[in-house]
Amino acid sequence: MAAGVSKTAPYRHFADKRDLLLTLAAHGFRLFADALETALGAAVQPLERKEPVDGIRALTRAYLAFARSRPALYRLMFSRLGYSLHSESCRMHSQRAIGTLL
């Protein structure tokens, strides 16, 4: 009831619990990748005044901020269940996040 809807309301939009969790995990990976890309972009502009470690620090702060601000979503994304739920959307956004970290 925290969302203000009945317990059965999500099933009007999702086939089952797995489908709901899959959608949440994909959304989480998109938010995570966006946050990392934004942090790195801000850390390396303008290039002439930045040190390489600035990007690492920015990514670390963004990673931790995401995990702390959305702990349940973070746990879902990186749990065994989250890995088993991977869809094409999850793969695409998780690869974006990993690419940014690398």
PDB file of N, CA and C in Angstrom:
ATOM      1  N   MET A   1       0.802  -1.193   0.000  1.00  0.00           N
ATOM      2  CA  MET A   1       0.000   0.000   0.000  1.00  0.00           C
ATOM      3  C   MET A   1       0.854   1.270   0.000  1.00  0.00           C
ATOM      4  N   ALA A   2       2.171   1.167   0.146  1.00  0.00           N
ATOM      5  CA  ALA A   2       3.018   2.363   0.147  1.00  0.00           C
ATOM      6  C   ALA A   2       2.889   3.145  -1.156  1.00  0.00           C
ATOM      7  N   ALA A   3       2.589   2.464  -2.236  1.00  0.00           N
ATOM      8  CA  ALA A   3       2.426   3.129  -3.524  1.00  0.00           C
ATOM      9  C   ALA A   3       1.017   3.696  -3.685  1.00  0.00           C
ATOM     10  N   GLY A   4       0.148   3.397  -2.740  1.00  0.00           N
ATOM     11  CA  GLY A   4      -1.205   3.913  -2.803  1.00  0.00           C
ATOM     12  C   GLY A   4      -2.125   3.124  -3.720  1.00  0.00           C
ATOM     13  N   VAL A   5      -1.748   1.888  -4.032  1.00  0.00           N
ATOM     14  CA  VAL A   5      -2.581   1.038  -4.880  1.00  0.00           C
ATOM     15  C   VAL A   5      -2.755  -0.314  -4.198  1.00  0.00           C
ATOM     16  N   SER A   6      -3.689  -1.086  -4.690  1.00  0.00           N
ATOM     17  CA  SER A   6      -3.918  -2.417  -4.121  1.00  0.00           C
ATOM     18  C   SER A   6      -2.757  -3.347  -4.476  1.00  0.00           C
ATOM     19  N   LYS A   7      -2.675  -4.455  -3.777  1.00  0.00           N
ATOM     20  CA  LYS A   7      -1.613  -5.438  -4.037  1.00  0.00           C
ATOM     21  C   LYS A   7      -1.719  -6.062  -5.418  1.00  0.00           C
ATOM     22  N   THR A   8      -2.903  -6.082  -5.972  1.00  0.00           N
ATOM     23  CA  THR A   8      -3.081  -6.697  -7.289  1.00  0.00           C
ATOM     24  C   THR A   8      -2.970  -5.711  -8.447  1.00  0.00           C
ATOM     25  N   ALA A   9      -2.900  -4.431  -8.167  1.00  0.00           N
ATOM     26  CA  ALA A   9      -2.845  -3.416  -9.234  1.00  0.00           C
ATOM     27  C   ALA A   9      -1.679  -3.610 -10.207  1.00  0.00           C
ATOM     28  N   PRO A  10      -0.473  -3.955  -9.743  1.00  0.00           N
ATOM     29  CA  PRO A  10       0.630  -4.123 -10.707  1.00  0.00           C
ATOM     30  C   PRO A  10       0.364  -5.194 -11.770  1.00  0.00           C
ATOM     31  N   TYR A  11      -0.470  -6.165 -11.441  1.00  0.00           N
ATOM     32  CA  TYR A  11      -0.724  -7.238 -12.399  1.00  0.00           C
ATOM     33  C   TYR A  11      -1.603  -6.788 -13.559  1.00  0.00           C
ATOM     34  N   ARG A  12      -2.115  -5.589 -13.491  1.00  0.00           N
ATOM     35  CA  ARG A  12      -2.817  -5.021 -14.649  1.00  0.00           C
ATOM     36  C   ARG A  12      -1.808  -4.548 -15.694  1.00  0.00           C
ATOM     37  N   HIS A  13      -0.580  -4.309 -15.248  1.00  0.00           N
ATOM     38  CA  HIS A  13       0.464  -3.773 -16.132  1.00  0.00           C
ATOM     39  C   HIS A  13       1.569  -4.776 -16.431  1.00  0.00           C
ATOM     40  N   PHE A  14       1.700  -5.793 -15.583  1.00  0.00           N
ATOM     41  CA  PHE A  14       2.772  -6.776 -15.728  1.00  0.00           C
ATOM     42  C   PHE A  14       2.169  -8.172 -15.696  1.00  0.00           C
ATOM     43  N   ALA A  15       2.736  -9.066 -16.493  1.00  0.00           N
ATOM     44  CA  ALA A  15       2.204 -10.421 -16.585  1.00  0.00           C
ATOM     45  C   ALA A  15       2.320 -11.172 -15.259  1.00  0.00           C
ATOM     46  N   ASP A  16       3.431 -10.966 -14.557  1.00  0.00           N
ATOM     47  CA  ASP A  16       3.661 -11.658 -13.291  1.00  0.00           C
ATOM     48  C   ASP A  16       4.751 -10.924 -12.515  1.00  0.00           C
ATOM     49  N   LYS A  17       5.111 -11.468 -11.378  1.00  0.00           N
ATOM     50  CA  LYS A  17       6.116 -10.833 -10.529  1.00  0.00           C
ATOM     51  C   LYS A  17       7.461 -10.745 -11.245  1.00  0.00           C
ATOM     52  N   ARG A  18       7.816 -11.788 -11.976  1.00  0.00           N
ATOM     53  CA  ARG A  18       9.088 -11.780 -12.701  1.00  0.00           C
ATOM     54  C   ARG A  18       9.135 -10.632 -13.701  1.00  0.00           C
ATOM     55  N   ASP A  19       8.046 -10.411 -14.415  1.00  0.00           N
ATOM     56  CA  ASP A  19       7.979  -9.327 -15.393  1.00  0.00           C
ATOM     57  C   ASP A  19       8.138  -7.965 -14.708  1.00  0.00           C
ATOM     58  N   LEU A  20       7.515  -7.797 -13.566  1.00  0.00           N
ATOM     59  CA  LEU A  20       7.651  -6.559 -12.792  1.00  0.00           C
ATOM     60  C   LEU A  20       9.097  -6.347 -12.358  1.00  0.00           C
ATOM     61  N   LEU A  21       9.726  -7.391 -11.802  1.00  0.00           N
ATOM     62  CA  LEU A  21      11.110  -7.274 -11.346  1.00  0.00           C
ATOM     63  C   LEU A  21      12.068  -7.042 -12.511  1.00  0.00           C
ATOM     64  N   LEU A  22      11.801  -7.668 -13.643  1.00  0.00           N
ATOM     65  CA  LEU A  22      12.617  -7.465 -14.845  1.00  0.00           C
ATOM     66  C   LEU A  22      12.566  -6.004 -15.275  1.00  0.00           C
ATOM     67  N   THR A  23      11.386  -5.426 -15.275  1.00  0.00           N
ATOM     68  CA  THR A  23      11.224  -4.024 -15.653  1.00  0.00           C
ATOM     69  C   THR A  23      11.948  -3.116 -14.662  1.00  0.00           C
ATOM     70  N   LEU A  24      11.835  -3.415 -13.373  1.00  0.00           N
ATOM     71  CA  LEU A  24      12.530  -2.622 -12.354  1.00  0.00           C
ATOM     72  C   LEU A  24      14.046  -2.708 -12.510  1.00  0.00           C
ATOM     73  N   ALA A  25      14.557  -3.910 -12.739  1.00  0.00           N
ATOM     74  CA  ALA A  25      16.005  -4.083 -12.902  1.00  0.00           C
ATOM     75  C   ALA A  25      16.513  -3.324 -14.129  1.00  0.00           C
ATOM     76  N   ALA A  26      15.795  -3.402 -15.231  1.00  0.00           N
ATOM     77  CA  ALA A  26      16.196  -2.685 -16.446  1.00  0.00           C
ATOM     78  C   ALA A  26      16.185  -1.180 -16.209  1.00  0.00           C
ATOM     79  N   HIS A  27      15.153  -0.695 -15.541  1.00  0.00           N
ATOM     80  CA  HIS A  27      15.072   0.732 -15.215  1.00  0.00           C
ATOM     81  C   HIS A  27      16.234   1.139 -14.307  1.00  0.00           C
ATOM     82  N   GLY A  28      16.555   0.284 -13.342  1.00  0.00           N
ATOM     83  CA  GLY A  28      17.675   0.568 -12.448  1.00  0.00           C
ATOM     84  C   GLY A  28      18.993   0.662 -13.185  1.00  0.00           C
ATOM     85  N   PHE A  29      19.243  -0.257 -14.093  1.00  0.00           N
ATOM     86  CA  PHE A  29      20.493  -0.210 -14.855  1.00  0.00           C
ATOM     87  C   PHE A  29      20.561   1.037 -15.738  1.00  0.00           C
ATOM     88  N   ARG A  30      19.415   1.466 -16.270  1.00  0.00           N
ATOM     89  CA  ARG A  30      19.410   2.693 -17.071  1.00  0.00           C
ATOM     90  C   ARG A  30      19.747   3.894 -16.193  1.00  0.00           C
ATOM     91  N   LEU A  31      19.128   3.987 -15.030  1.00  0.00           N
ATOM     92  CA  LEU A  31      19.424   5.093 -14.109  1.00  0.00           C
ATOM     93  C   LEU A  31      20.887   5.067 -13.668  1.00  0.00           C
ATOM     94  N   PHE A  32      21.396   3.882 -13.388  1.00  0.00           N
ATOM     95  CA  PHE A  32      22.780   3.714 -12.947  1.00  0.00           C
ATOM     96  C   PHE A  32      23.744   4.159 -14.036  1.00  0.00           C
ATOM     97  N   ALA A  33      23.521   3.698 -15.262  1.00  0.00           N
ATOM     98  CA  ALA A  33      24.397   4.083 -16.379  1.00  0.00           C
ATOM     99  C   ALA A  33      24.329   5.587 -16.617  1.00  0.00           C
ATOM    100  N   ASP A  34      23.131   6.157 -16.560  1.00  0.00           N
ATOM    101  CA  ASP A  34      22.976   7.608 -16.741  1.00  0.00           C
ATOM    102  C   ASP A  34      23.759   8.377 -15.677  1.00  0.00           C
ATOM    103  N   ALA A  35      23.655   7.936 -14.427  1.00  0.00           N
ATOM    104  CA  ALA A  35      24.343   8.620 -13.324  1.00  0.00           C
ATOM    105  C   ALA A  35      25.857   8.558 -13.498  1.00  0.00           C
ATOM    106  N   LEU A  36      26.368   7.405 -13.894  1.00  0.00           N
ATOM    107  CA  LEU A  36      27.809   7.267 -14.091  1.00  0.00           C
ATOM    108  C   LEU A  36      28.291   8.127 -15.259  1.00  0.00           C
ATOM    109  N   GLU A  37      27.563   8.111 -16.362  1.00  0.00           N
ATOM    110  CA  GLU A  37      27.960   8.909 -17.522  1.00  0.00           C
ATOM    111  C   GLU A  37      27.927  10.403 -17.213  1.00  0.00           C
ATOM    112  N   THR A  38      26.917  10.831 -16.493  1.00  0.00           N
ATOM    113  CA  THR A  38      26.820  12.240 -16.113  1.00  0.00           C
ATOM    114  C   THR A  38      27.981  12.642 -15.215  1.00  0.00           C
ATOM    115  N   ALA A  39      28.284  11.804 -14.231  1.00  0.00           N
ATOM    116  CA  ALA A  39      29.377  12.107 -13.300  1.00  0.00           C
ATOM    117  C   ALA A  39      30.718  12.167 -14.025  1.00  0.00           C
ATOM    118  N   LEU A  40      30.961  11.226 -14.913  1.00  0.00           N
ATOM    119  CA  LEU A  40      32.230  11.220 -15.640  1.00  0.00           C
ATOM    120  C   LEU A  40      32.323  12.414 -16.573  1.00  0.00           C
ATOM    121  N   GLY A  41      31.236  12.733 -17.245  1.00  0.00           N
ATOM    122  CA  GLY A  41      31.236  13.887 -18.142  1.00  0.00           C
ATOM    123  C   GLY A  41      31.553  15.179 -17.418  1.00  0.00           C
ATOM    124  N   ALA A  42      30.986  15.350 -16.245  1.00  0.00           N
ATOM    125  CA  ALA A  42      31.244  16.563 -15.457  1.00  0.00           C
ATOM    126  C   ALA A  42      32.674  16.587 -14.935  1.00  0.00           C
ATOM    127  N   ALA A  43      33.227  15.424 -14.660  1.00  0.00           N
ATOM    128  CA  ALA A  43      34.569  15.354 -14.081  1.00  0.00           C
ATOM    129  C   ALA A  43      35.669  15.633 -15.095  1.00  0.00           C
ATOM    130  N   VAL A  44      35.415  15.399 -16.352  1.00  0.00           N
ATOM    131  CA  VAL A  44      36.475  15.556 -17.354  1.00  0.00           C
ATOM    132  C   VAL A  44      36.339  16.835 -18.174  1.00  0.00           C
ATOM    133  N   GLN A  45      35.401  17.693 -17.831  1.00  0.00           N
ATOM    134  CA  GLN A  45      35.247  18.963 -18.555  1.00  0.00           C
ATOM    135  C   GLN A  45      35.580  20.131 -17.645  1.00  0.00           C
ATOM    136  N   PRO A  46      36.365  21.077 -17.980  1.00  0.00           N
ATOM    137  CA  PRO A  46      37.249  21.092 -19.151  1.00  0.00           C
ATOM    138  C   PRO A  46      38.490  20.246 -18.888  1.00  0.00           C
ATOM    139  N   LEU A  47      38.971  19.601 -19.909  1.00  0.00           N
ATOM    140  CA  LEU A  47      40.081  18.660 -19.778  1.00  0.00           C
ATOM    141  C   LEU A  47      41.380  19.297 -19.304  1.00  0.00           C
ATOM    142  N   GLU A  48      41.640  20.523 -19.670  1.00  0.00           N
ATOM    143  CA  GLU A  48      42.954  21.121 -19.369  1.00  0.00           C
ATOM    144  C   GLU A  48      43.205  21.289 -17.865  1.00  0.00           C
ATOM    145  N   ARG A  49      42.169  21.279 -17.046  1.00  0.00           N
ATOM    146  CA  ARG A  49      42.366  21.471 -15.603  1.00  0.00           C
ATOM    147  C   ARG A  49      42.132  20.216 -14.783  1.00  0.00           C
ATOM    148  N   LYS A  50      41.863  19.124 -15.417  1.00  0.00           N
ATOM    149  CA  LYS A  50      41.499  17.913 -14.693  1.00  0.00           C
ATOM    150  C   LYS A  50      42.657  16.933 -14.632  1.00  0.00           C
ATOM    151  N   GLU A  51      42.671  16.201 -13.541  1.00  0.00           N
ATOM    152  CA  GLU A  51      43.623  15.105 -13.362  1.00  0.00           C
ATOM    153  C   GLU A  51      42.884  13.796 -13.656  1.00  0.00           C
ATOM    154  N   PRO A  52      43.606  12.773 -14.116  1.00  0.00           N
ATOM    155  CA  PRO A  52      42.938  11.492 -14.396  1.00  0.00           C
ATOM    156  C   PRO A  52      42.181  10.937 -13.187  1.00  0.00           C
ATOM    157  N   VAL A  53      42.694  11.179 -12.000  1.00  0.00           N
ATOM    158  CA  VAL A  53      42.048  10.657 -10.803  1.00  0.00           C
ATOM    159  C   VAL A  53      40.696  11.318 -10.545  1.00  0.00           C
ATOM    160  N   ASP A  54      40.458  12.504 -11.121  1.00  0.00           N
ATOM    161  CA  ASP A  54      39.172  13.178 -10.946  1.00  0.00           C
ATOM    162  C   ASP A  54      38.016  12.333 -11.484  1.00  0.00           C
ATOM    163  N   GLY A  55      38.237  11.689 -12.599  1.00  0.00           N
ATOM    164  CA  GLY A  55      37.206  10.820 -13.166  1.00  0.00           C
ATOM    165  C   GLY A  55      36.917   9.629 -12.276  1.00  0.00           C
ATOM    166  N   ILE A  56      37.970   9.045 -11.719  1.00  0.00           N
ATOM    167  CA  ILE A  56      37.801   7.900 -10.817  1.00  0.00           C
ATOM    168  C   ILE A  56      37.032   8.322  -9.566  1.00  0.00           C
ATOM    169  N   ARG A  57      37.373   9.461  -9.023  1.00  0.00           N
ATOM    170  CA  ARG A  57      36.666   9.958  -7.837  1.00  0.00           C
ATOM    171  C   ARG A  57      35.190  10.231  -8.145  1.00  0.00           C
ATOM    172  N   ALA A  58      34.933  10.846  -9.277  1.00  0.00           N
ATOM    173  CA  ALA A  58      33.556  11.163  -9.651  1.00  0.00           C
ATOM    174  C   ALA A  58      32.733   9.889  -9.844  1.00  0.00           C
ATOM    175  N   LEU A  59      33.325   8.895 -10.501  1.00  0.00           N
ATOM    176  CA  LEU A  59      32.621   7.633 -10.697  1.00  0.00           C
ATOM    177  C   LEU A  59      32.358   6.932  -9.376  1.00  0.00           C
ATOM    178  N   THR A  60      33.333   6.962  -8.486  1.00  0.00           N
ATOM    179  CA  THR A  60      33.168   6.335  -7.170  1.00  0.00           C
ATOM    180  C   THR A  60      32.037   7.000  -6.398  1.00  0.00           C
ATOM    181  N   ARG A  61      32.025   8.332  -6.394  1.00  0.00           N
ATOM    182  CA  ARG A  61      30.952   9.053  -5.697  1.00  0.00           C
ATOM    183  C   ARG A  61      29.587   8.745  -6.310  1.00  0.00           C
ATOM    184  N   ALA A  62      29.510   8.725  -7.630  1.00  0.00           N
ATOM    185  CA  ALA A  62      28.238   8.451  -8.304  1.00  0.00           C
ATOM    186  C   ALA A  62      27.762   7.026  -8.024  1.00  0.00           C
ATOM    187  N   TYR A  63      28.678   6.070  -8.042  1.00  0.00           N
ATOM    188  CA  TYR A  63      28.351   4.667  -7.773  1.00  0.00           C
ATOM    189  C   TYR A  63      27.778   4.533  -6.364  1.00  0.00           C
ATOM    190  N   LEU A  64      28.492   5.082  -5.398  1.00  0.00           N
ATOM    191  CA  LEU A  64      28.049   4.982  -4.007  1.00  0.00           C
ATOM    192  C   LEU A  64      26.746   5.746  -3.773  1.00  0.00           C
ATOM    193  N   ALA A  65      26.608   6.903  -4.382  1.00  0.00           N
ATOM    194  CA  ALA A  65      25.381   7.687  -4.218  1.00  0.00           C
ATOM    195  C   ALA A  65      24.181   6.920  -4.762  1.00  0.00           C
ATOM    196  N   PHE A  66      24.352   6.266  -5.902  1.00  0.00           N
ATOM    197  CA  PHE A  66      23.264   5.481  -6.463  1.00  0.00           C
ATOM    198  C   PHE A  66      22.886   4.347  -5.522  1.00  0.00           C
ATOM    199  N   ALA A  67      23.874   3.599  -5.056  1.00  0.00           N
ATOM    200  CA  ALA A  67      23.607   2.454  -4.175  1.00  0.00           C
ATOM    201  C   ALA A  67      22.954   2.895  -2.866  1.00  0.00           C
ATOM    202  N   ARG A  68      23.398   4.008  -2.325  1.00  0.00           N
ATOM    203  CA  ARG A  68      22.845   4.493  -1.060  1.00  0.00           C
ATOM    204  C   ARG A  68      21.447   5.077  -1.223  1.00  0.00           C
ATOM    205  N   SER A  69      21.182   5.714  -2.343  1.00  0.00           N
ATOM    206  CA  SER A  69      19.887   6.367  -2.528  1.00  0.00           C
ATOM    207  C   SER A  69      18.791   5.389  -2.953  1.00  0.00           C
ATOM    208  N   ARG A  70      19.180   4.246  -3.503  1.00  0.00           N
ATOM    209  CA  ARG A  70      18.210   3.253  -3.975  1.00  0.00           C
ATOM    210  C   ARG A  70      18.662   1.854  -3.562  1.00  0.00           C
ATOM    211  N   PRO A  71      18.769   1.583  -2.262  1.00  0.00           N
ATOM    212  CA  PRO A  71      19.351   0.314  -1.820  1.00  0.00           C
ATOM    213  C   PRO A  71      18.579  -0.920  -2.287  1.00  0.00           C
ATOM    214  N   ALA A  72      17.264  -0.884  -2.272  1.00  0.00           N
ATOM    215  CA  ALA A  72      16.502  -2.062  -2.700  1.00  0.00           C
ATOM    216  C   ALA A  72      16.678  -2.316  -4.196  1.00  0.00           C
ATOM    217  N   LEU A  73      16.659  -1.265  -4.973  1.00  0.00           N
ATOM    218  CA  LEU A  73      16.859  -1.402  -6.421  1.00  0.00           C
ATOM    219  C   LEU A  73      18.272  -1.896  -6.716  1.00  0.00           C
ATOM    220  N   TYR A  74      19.254  -1.349  -6.027  1.00  0.00           N
ATOM    221  CA  TYR A  74      20.643  -1.776  -6.202  1.00  0.00           C
ATOM    222  C   TYR A  74      20.789  -3.270  -5.875  1.00  0.00           C
ATOM    223  N   ARG A  75      20.181  -3.695  -4.760  1.00  0.00           N
ATOM    224  CA  ARG A  75      20.253  -5.118  -4.392  1.00  0.00           C
ATOM    225  C   ARG A  75      19.606  -5.990  -5.459  1.00  0.00           C
ATOM    226  N   LEU A  76      18.467  -5.565  -5.988  1.00  0.00           N
ATOM    227  CA  LEU A  76      17.811  -6.330  -7.050  1.00  0.00           C
ATOM    228  C   LEU A  76      18.716  -6.438  -8.268  1.00  0.00           C
ATOM    229  N   MET A  77      19.281  -5.325  -8.690  1.00  0.00           N
ATOM    230  CA  MET A  77      20.109  -5.297  -9.894  1.00  0.00           C
ATOM    231  C   MET A  77      21.311  -6.227  -9.793  1.00  0.00           C
ATOM    232  N   PHE A  78      21.923  -6.290  -8.628  1.00  0.00           N
ATOM    233  CA  PHE A  78      23.169  -7.038  -8.477  1.00  0.00           C
ATOM    234  C   PHE A  78      23.014  -8.343  -7.700  1.00  0.00           C
ATOM    235  N   SER A  79      21.786  -8.779  -7.514  1.00  0.00           N
ATOM    236  CA  SER A  79      21.537 -10.050  -6.843  1.00  0.00           C
ATOM    237  C   SER A  79      21.527 -11.186  -7.857  1.00  0.00           C
ATOM    238  N   ARG A  80      21.532 -12.403  -7.354  1.00  0.00           N
ATOM    239  CA  ARG A  80      21.390 -13.549  -8.247  1.00  0.00           C
ATOM    240  C   ARG A  80      20.084 -13.461  -9.016  1.00  0.00           C
ATOM    241  N   LEU A  81      19.039 -13.053  -8.325  1.00  0.00           N
ATOM    242  CA  LEU A  81      17.746 -12.884  -8.980  1.00  0.00           C
ATOM    243  C   LEU A  81      17.848 -11.841 -10.080  1.00  0.00           C
ATOM    244  N   GLY A  82      18.487 -10.723  -9.783  1.00  0.00           N
ATOM    245  CA  GLY A  82      18.651  -9.677 -10.785  1.00  0.00           C
ATOM    246  C   GLY A  82      19.392 -10.175 -12.011  1.00  0.00           C
ATOM    247  N   TYR A  83      20.445 -10.943 -11.790  1.00  0.00           N
ATOM    248  CA  TYR A  83      21.196 -11.473 -12.932  1.00  0.00           C
ATOM    249  C   TYR A  83      20.352 -12.452 -13.742  1.00  0.00           C
ATOM    250  N   SER A  84      19.495 -13.203 -13.070  1.00  0.00           N
ATOM    251  CA  SER A  84      18.655 -14.167 -13.792  1.00  0.00           C
ATOM    252  C   SER A  84      17.549 -13.473 -14.581  1.00  0.00           C
ATOM    253  N   LEU A  85      17.265 -12.227 -14.232  1.00  0.00           N
ATOM    254  CA  LEU A  85      16.192 -11.491 -14.886  1.00  0.00           C
ATOM    255  C   LEU A  85      16.646 -10.747 -16.135  1.00  0.00           C
ATOM    256  N   HIS A  86      17.906 -10.768 -16.413  1.00  0.00           N
ATOM    257  CA  HIS A  86      18.424  -9.915 -17.483  1.00  0.00           C
ATOM    258  C   HIS A  86      17.671 -10.068 -18.785  1.00  0.00           C
ATOM    259  N   SER A  87      17.295  -8.934 -19.285  1.00  0.00           N
ATOM    260  CA  SER A  87      16.655  -8.821 -20.590  1.00  0.00           C
ATOM    261  C   SER A  87      17.621  -8.075 -21.497  1.00  0.00           C
ATOM    262  N   GLU A  88      17.221  -7.847 -22.718  1.00  0.00           N
ATOM    263  CA  GLU A  88      18.061  -7.072 -23.625  1.00  0.00           C
ATOM    264  C   GLU A  88      18.273  -5.665 -23.074  1.00  0.00           C
ATOM    265  N   SER A  89      17.235  -5.084 -22.490  1.00  0.00           N
ATOM    266  CA  SER A  89      17.352  -3.748 -21.903  1.00  0.00           C
ATOM    267  C   SER A  89      18.338  -3.744 -20.735  1.00  0.00           C
ATOM    268  N   CYS A  90      18.269  -4.756 -19.876  1.00  0.00           N
ATOM    269  CA  CYS A  90      19.225  -4.857 -18.765  1.00  0.00           C
ATOM    270  C   CYS A  90      20.650  -4.980 -19.291  1.00  0.00           C
ATOM    271  N   ARG A  91      20.840  -5.846 -20.268  1.00  0.00           N
ATOM    272  CA  ARG A  91      22.179  -6.041 -20.833  1.00  0.00           C
ATOM    273  C   ARG A  91      22.717  -4.741 -21.429  1.00  0.00           C
ATOM    274  N   MET A  92      21.895  -4.057 -22.194  1.00  0.00           N
ATOM    275  CA  MET A  92      22.333  -2.835 -22.860  1.00  0.00           C
ATOM    276  C   MET A  92      22.771  -1.788 -21.834  1.00  0.00           C
ATOM    277  N   HIS A  93      21.940  -1.550 -20.823  1.00  0.00           N
ATOM    278  CA  HIS A  93      22.253  -0.512 -19.841  1.00  0.00           C
ATOM    279  C   HIS A  93      23.362  -0.933 -18.883  1.00  0.00           C
ATOM    280  N   SER A  94      23.434  -2.216 -18.530  1.00  0.00           N
ATOM    281  CA  SER A  94      24.534  -2.645 -17.667  1.00  0.00           C
ATOM    282  C   SER A  94      25.861  -2.562 -18.421  1.00  0.00           C
ATOM    283  N   GLN A  95      25.863  -2.837 -19.715  1.00  0.00           N
ATOM    284  CA  GLN A  95      27.076  -2.696 -20.515  1.00  0.00           C
ATOM    285  C   GLN A  95      27.490  -1.219 -20.618  1.00  0.00           C
ATOM    286  N   ARG A  96      26.505  -0.316 -20.698  1.00  0.00           N
ATOM    287  CA  ARG A  96      26.818   1.114 -20.692  1.00  0.00           C
ATOM    288  C   ARG A  96      27.511   1.485 -19.383  1.00  0.00           C
ATOM    289  N   ALA A  97      26.964   0.999 -18.274  1.00  0.00           N
ATOM    290  CA  ALA A  97      27.542   1.314 -16.957  1.00  0.00           C
ATOM    291  C   ALA A  97      28.964   0.763 -16.848  1.00  0.00           C
ATOM    292  N   ILE A  98      29.152  -0.479 -17.229  1.00  0.00           N
ATOM    293  CA  ILE A  98      30.480  -1.087 -17.155  1.00  0.00           C
ATOM    294  C   ILE A  98      31.458  -0.376 -18.074  1.00  0.00           C
ATOM    295  N   GLY A  99      31.007  -0.028 -19.269  1.00  0.00           N
ATOM    296  CA  GLY A  99      31.854   0.706 -20.207  1.00  0.00           C
ATOM    297  C   GLY A  99      32.298   2.043 -19.636  1.00  0.00           C
ATOM    298  N   THR A 100      31.399   2.726 -18.957  1.00  0.00           N
ATOM    299  CA  THR A 100      31.742   4.011 -18.337  1.00  0.00           C
ATOM    300  C   THR A 100      32.747   3.807 -17.219  1.00  0.00           C
ATOM    301  N   LEU A 101      32.543   2.775 -16.420  1.00  0.00           N
ATOM    302  CA  LEU A 101      33.482   2.500 -15.326  1.00  0.00           C
ATOM    303  C   LEU A 101      34.878   2.160 -15.860  1.00  0.00           C
ATOM    304  N   LEU A 102      34.915   1.421 -16.952  1.00  0.00           N
ATOM    305  CA  LEU A 102      36.214   1.037 -17.517  1.00  0.00           C
ATOM    306  C   LEU A 102      36.883   2.226 -18.171  1.00  0.00           C
TER     307      LEU A 102
END
